[in-house]
Amino acid sequence: MSKQYRLIGADGKEYLSDVPGKFGGNKSTHIYGRLDCSIALAYIPRGYAENRVFFANEQDARAAGYRPCANCMRSEYNIWKNDQLHKTTK
């Protein structure tokens, strides 16, 4: 039997995949980022791993209600932030 990975889909629900996720997130903060993010890696020993979730792609993370990390995904975060500012001024 092949290894199965728990990922979060666009609907926010967990599913099993034969392929590991490409992005990690935190279910408490609803922030996602690269698996090598220095901020996320620094918080793993502090209990961050308890709230860690994984996504196959950015589209699923965004659709599930997560925002990009301001540290490891700076340009994506800036686009997201700009979108949020436009939403509040309408």
N, C-alpha and C. Protein backbone atom coordinates (compact mmCIF):
# COMPACT_ATOMS: atom_id res chain seq x y z
N MET A 1 0.84 -1.18 0.00
CA MET A 1 0.00 0.00 0.00
C MET A 1 0.89 1.24 0.00
N SER A 2 0.56 2.20 -0.85
CA SER A 2 1.37 3.42 -0.94
C SER A 2 1.03 4.40 0.18
N LYS A 3 1.97 5.25 0.48
CA LYS A 3 1.76 6.27 1.53
C LYS A 3 0.67 7.23 1.09
N GLN A 4 -0.17 7.61 2.03
CA GLN A 4 -1.24 8.57 1.78
C GLN A 4 -0.96 9.84 2.56
N TYR A 5 -1.28 10.97 1.95
CA TYR A 5 -1.06 12.28 2.56
C TYR A 5 -2.42 12.95 2.77
N ARG A 6 -2.56 13.62 3.90
CA ARG A 6 -3.79 14.34 4.21
C ARG A 6 -3.67 15.77 3.69
N LEU A 7 -4.51 16.11 2.75
CA LEU A 7 -4.52 17.44 2.17
C LEU A 7 -5.87 18.09 2.39
N ILE A 8 -5.90 19.41 2.28
CA ILE A 8 -7.14 20.17 2.36
C ILE A 8 -7.50 20.59 0.94
N GLY A 9 -8.74 20.33 0.56
CA GLY A 9 -9.21 20.69 -0.77
C GLY A 9 -9.78 22.09 -0.81
N ALA A 10 -10.20 22.50 -2.00
CA ALA A 10 -10.78 23.83 -2.20
C ALA A 10 -12.02 24.04 -1.35
N ASP A 11 -12.71 22.95 -1.00
CA ASP A 11 -13.92 23.05 -0.18
C ASP A 11 -13.60 23.12 1.31
N GLY A 12 -12.30 23.10 1.67
CA GLY A 12 -11.89 23.17 3.06
C GLY A 12 -11.91 21.84 3.78
N LYS A 13 -12.26 20.78 3.08
CA LYS A 13 -12.34 19.45 3.69
C LYS A 13 -11.07 18.65 3.42
N GLU A 14 -10.74 17.80 4.37
CA GLU A 14 -9.56 16.96 4.26
C GLU A 14 -9.84 15.78 3.32
N TYR A 15 -8.81 15.41 2.56
CA TYR A 15 -8.89 14.22 1.72
C TYR A 15 -7.52 13.57 1.66
N LEU A 16 -7.49 12.30 1.28
CA LEU A 16 -6.24 11.57 1.16
C LEU A 16 -5.73 11.64 -0.27
N SER A 17 -4.42 11.76 -0.40
CA SER A 17 -3.78 11.87 -1.70
C SER A 17 -2.54 10.98 -1.74
N ASP A 18 -2.22 10.44 -2.90
CA ASP A 18 -0.98 9.69 -3.08
C ASP A 18 0.21 10.63 -3.23
N VAL A 19 -0.06 11.90 -3.48
CA VAL A 19 0.97 12.90 -3.73
C VAL A 19 0.99 13.88 -2.55
N PRO A 20 2.18 14.20 -2.01
CA PRO A 20 2.23 15.15 -0.89
C PRO A 20 1.84 16.56 -1.33
N GLY A 21 1.43 17.36 -0.37
CA GLY A 21 1.07 18.74 -0.66
C GLY A 21 2.29 19.57 -1.03
N LYS A 22 2.05 20.61 -1.81
CA LYS A 22 3.12 21.51 -2.22
C LYS A 22 3.19 22.76 -1.36
N PHE A 23 2.12 23.01 -0.59
CA PHE A 23 2.06 24.19 0.28
C PHE A 23 1.57 23.76 1.65
N GLY A 24 2.06 24.45 2.68
CA GLY A 24 1.63 24.19 4.04
C GLY A 24 0.83 25.37 4.55
N GLY A 25 -0.03 25.11 5.51
CA GLY A 25 -0.83 26.18 6.08
C GLY A 25 -1.05 25.96 7.56
N ASN A 26 -1.64 26.94 8.20
CA ASN A 26 -1.98 26.87 9.61
C ASN A 26 -3.48 27.06 9.74
N LYS A 27 -4.15 26.05 10.30
CA LYS A 27 -5.61 26.13 10.38
C LYS A 27 -6.11 27.13 11.41
N SER A 28 -5.25 27.61 12.29
CA SER A 28 -5.66 28.65 13.24
C SER A 28 -5.58 30.04 12.63
N THR A 29 -4.51 30.31 11.89
CA THR A 29 -4.32 31.64 11.32
C THR A 29 -4.85 31.77 9.90
N HIS A 30 -5.12 30.63 9.26
CA HIS A 30 -5.56 30.60 7.86
C HIS A 30 -4.56 31.28 6.92
N ILE A 31 -3.28 30.97 7.17
CA ILE A 31 -2.19 31.45 6.32
C ILE A 31 -1.54 30.23 5.69
N TYR A 32 -1.20 30.33 4.40
CA TYR A 32 -0.49 29.23 3.74
C TYR A 32 0.79 29.77 3.12
N GLY A 33 1.74 28.87 2.90
CA GLY A 33 3.00 29.28 2.30
C GLY A 33 3.80 28.09 1.82
N ARG A 34 5.02 28.39 1.41
CA ARG A 34 5.92 27.34 0.92
C ARG A 34 6.33 26.44 2.08
N LEU A 35 6.64 25.21 1.78
CA LEU A 35 7.03 24.25 2.81
C LEU A 35 8.37 24.61 3.46
N ASP A 36 9.19 25.39 2.78
CA ASP A 36 10.49 25.79 3.33
C ASP A 36 10.46 27.18 3.98
N CYS A 37 9.29 27.70 4.27
CA CYS A 37 9.17 29.03 4.87
C CYS A 37 9.91 29.07 6.21
N SER A 38 10.81 30.01 6.36
CA SER A 38 11.61 30.11 7.58
C SER A 38 10.76 30.40 8.82
N ILE A 39 9.71 31.17 8.65
CA ILE A 39 8.84 31.49 9.80
C ILE A 39 8.10 30.24 10.26
N ALA A 40 7.50 29.52 9.33
CA ALA A 40 6.77 28.29 9.69
C ALA A 40 7.72 27.27 10.32
N LEU A 41 8.89 27.09 9.72
CA LEU A 41 9.85 26.13 10.26
C LEU A 41 10.29 26.50 11.67
N ALA A 42 10.42 27.78 11.94
CA ALA A 42 10.81 28.23 13.27
C ALA A 42 9.73 27.96 14.32
N TYR A 43 8.47 27.94 13.90
CA TYR A 43 7.36 27.74 14.83
C TYR A 43 7.00 26.27 15.04
N ILE A 44 7.51 25.38 14.23
CA ILE A 44 7.18 23.95 14.39
C ILE A 44 7.52 23.44 15.79
N PRO A 45 8.69 23.75 16.35
CA PRO A 45 8.98 23.26 17.71
C PRO A 45 8.07 23.88 18.78
N ARG A 46 7.39 24.95 18.46
CA ARG A 46 6.53 25.65 19.44
C ARG A 46 5.07 25.21 19.34
N GLY A 47 4.80 24.10 18.70
CA GLY A 47 3.44 23.59 18.62
C GLY A 47 2.71 23.90 17.33
N TYR A 48 3.38 24.58 16.42
CA TYR A 48 2.76 24.93 15.14
C TYR A 48 2.30 23.70 14.37
N ALA A 49 3.05 22.59 14.52
CA ALA A 49 2.74 21.37 13.76
C ALA A 49 1.35 20.83 14.07
N GLU A 50 0.84 21.10 15.26
CA GLU A 50 -0.51 20.65 15.63
C GLU A 50 -1.58 21.24 14.71
N ASN A 51 -1.34 22.44 14.22
CA ASN A 51 -2.31 23.14 13.37
C ASN A 51 -1.93 23.15 11.90
N ARG A 52 -0.92 22.38 11.54
CA ARG A 52 -0.41 22.38 10.16
C ARG A 52 -1.33 21.59 9.26
N VAL A 53 -1.62 22.16 8.10
CA VAL A 53 -2.39 21.50 7.06
C VAL A 53 -1.61 21.65 5.75
N PHE A 54 -1.99 20.86 4.75
CA PHE A 54 -1.26 20.88 3.48
C PHE A 54 -2.23 21.00 2.31
N PHE A 55 -1.76 21.63 1.26
CA PHE A 55 -2.55 21.86 0.05
C PHE A 55 -1.79 21.38 -1.17
N ALA A 56 -2.52 20.88 -2.15
CA ALA A 56 -1.91 20.45 -3.40
C ALA A 56 -1.42 21.63 -4.20
N ASN A 57 -2.12 22.78 -4.08
CA ASN A 57 -1.78 23.95 -4.88
C ASN A 57 -2.31 25.22 -4.21
N GLU A 58 -1.91 26.36 -4.75
CA GLU A 58 -2.34 27.64 -4.19
C GLU A 58 -3.84 27.87 -4.37
N GLN A 59 -4.38 27.42 -5.48
CA GLN A 59 -5.81 27.63 -5.75
C GLN A 59 -6.67 26.98 -4.67
N ASP A 60 -6.30 25.77 -4.25
CA ASP A 60 -7.06 25.10 -3.19
C ASP A 60 -6.93 25.85 -1.87
N ALA A 61 -5.73 26.33 -1.57
CA ALA A 61 -5.53 27.07 -0.32
C ALA A 61 -6.38 28.34 -0.30
N ARG A 62 -6.36 29.08 -1.39
CA ARG A 62 -7.15 30.32 -1.47
C ARG A 62 -8.64 30.04 -1.41
N ALA A 63 -9.08 29.02 -2.14
CA ALA A 63 -10.51 28.68 -2.15
C ALA A 63 -10.98 28.21 -0.78
N ALA A 64 -10.09 27.59 0.00
CA ALA A 64 -10.43 27.13 1.34
C ALA A 64 -10.40 28.25 2.37
N GLY A 65 -10.06 29.47 1.94
CA GLY A 65 -10.10 30.62 2.83
C GLY A 65 -8.78 31.00 3.47
N TYR A 66 -7.68 30.53 2.93
CA TYR A 66 -6.36 30.85 3.45
C TYR A 66 -5.73 31.97 2.63
N ARG A 67 -4.89 32.76 3.28
CA ARG A 67 -4.20 33.84 2.58
C ARG A 67 -2.72 33.51 2.47
N PRO A 68 -2.02 34.10 1.50
CA PRO A 68 -0.58 33.84 1.35
C PRO A 68 0.24 34.40 2.51
N CYS A 69 1.33 33.74 2.78
CA CYS A 69 2.28 34.17 3.82
C CYS A 69 3.01 35.43 3.37
N ALA A 70 3.11 36.40 4.26
CA ALA A 70 3.81 37.65 3.94
C ALA A 70 5.32 37.47 3.91
N ASN A 71 5.82 36.38 4.48
CA ASN A 71 7.26 36.14 4.52
C ASN A 71 7.76 35.41 3.27
N CYS A 72 7.23 34.24 3.00
CA CYS A 72 7.78 33.41 1.93
C CYS A 72 7.07 33.59 0.59
N MET A 73 5.95 34.29 0.60
CA MET A 73 5.19 34.51 -0.63
C MET A 73 4.84 36.00 -0.75
N ARG A 74 5.85 36.83 -0.67
CA ARG A 74 5.68 38.28 -0.59
C ARG A 74 4.84 38.84 -1.74
N SER A 75 5.13 38.49 -2.98
CA SER A 75 4.37 39.08 -4.10
C SER A 75 2.92 38.62 -4.09
N GLU A 76 2.68 37.35 -3.77
CA GLU A 76 1.30 36.84 -3.69
C GLU A 76 0.55 37.52 -2.55
N TYR A 77 1.26 37.72 -1.42
CA TYR A 77 0.66 38.41 -0.28
C TYR A 77 0.28 39.84 -0.65
N ASN A 78 1.17 40.55 -1.34
CA ASN A 78 0.89 41.93 -1.74
C ASN A 78 -0.33 42.01 -2.66
N ILE A 79 -0.46 41.07 -3.56
CA ILE A 79 -1.65 41.02 -4.43
C ILE A 79 -2.89 40.77 -3.60
N TRP A 80 -2.81 39.81 -2.68
CA TRP A 80 -3.95 39.50 -1.80
C TRP A 80 -4.33 40.74 -0.97
N LYS A 81 -3.33 41.40 -0.39
CA LYS A 81 -3.57 42.58 0.45
C LYS A 81 -4.23 43.69 -0.37
N ASN A 82 -3.75 43.91 -1.57
CA ASN A 82 -4.32 44.92 -2.45
C ASN A 82 -5.79 44.59 -2.77
N ASP A 83 -6.07 43.33 -3.03
CA ASP A 83 -7.45 42.88 -3.28
C ASP A 83 -8.34 43.15 -2.07
N GLN A 84 -7.80 42.90 -0.87
CA GLN A 84 -8.57 43.12 0.36
C GLN A 84 -8.88 44.61 0.55
N LEU A 85 -7.91 45.46 0.23
CA LEU A 85 -8.14 46.91 0.34
C LEU A 85 -9.23 47.38 -0.61
N HIS A 86 -9.23 46.82 -1.82
CA HIS A 86 -10.27 47.20 -2.79
C HIS A 86 -11.66 46.71 -2.37
N LYS A 87 -11.71 45.57 -1.71
CA LYS A 87 -12.99 45.03 -1.23
C LYS A 87 -13.59 45.92 -0.14
N THR A 88 -12.74 46.46 0.73
CA THR A 88 -13.24 47.27 1.84
C THR A 88 -13.60 48.68 1.41
N THR A 89 -13.10 49.14 0.27
CA THR A 89 -13.41 50.51 -0.17
C THR A 89 -14.59 50.55 -1.13
N LYS A 90 -15.13 49.41 -1.46
CA LYS A 90 -16.29 49.38 -2.37
C LYS A 90 -17.58 49.57 -1.63
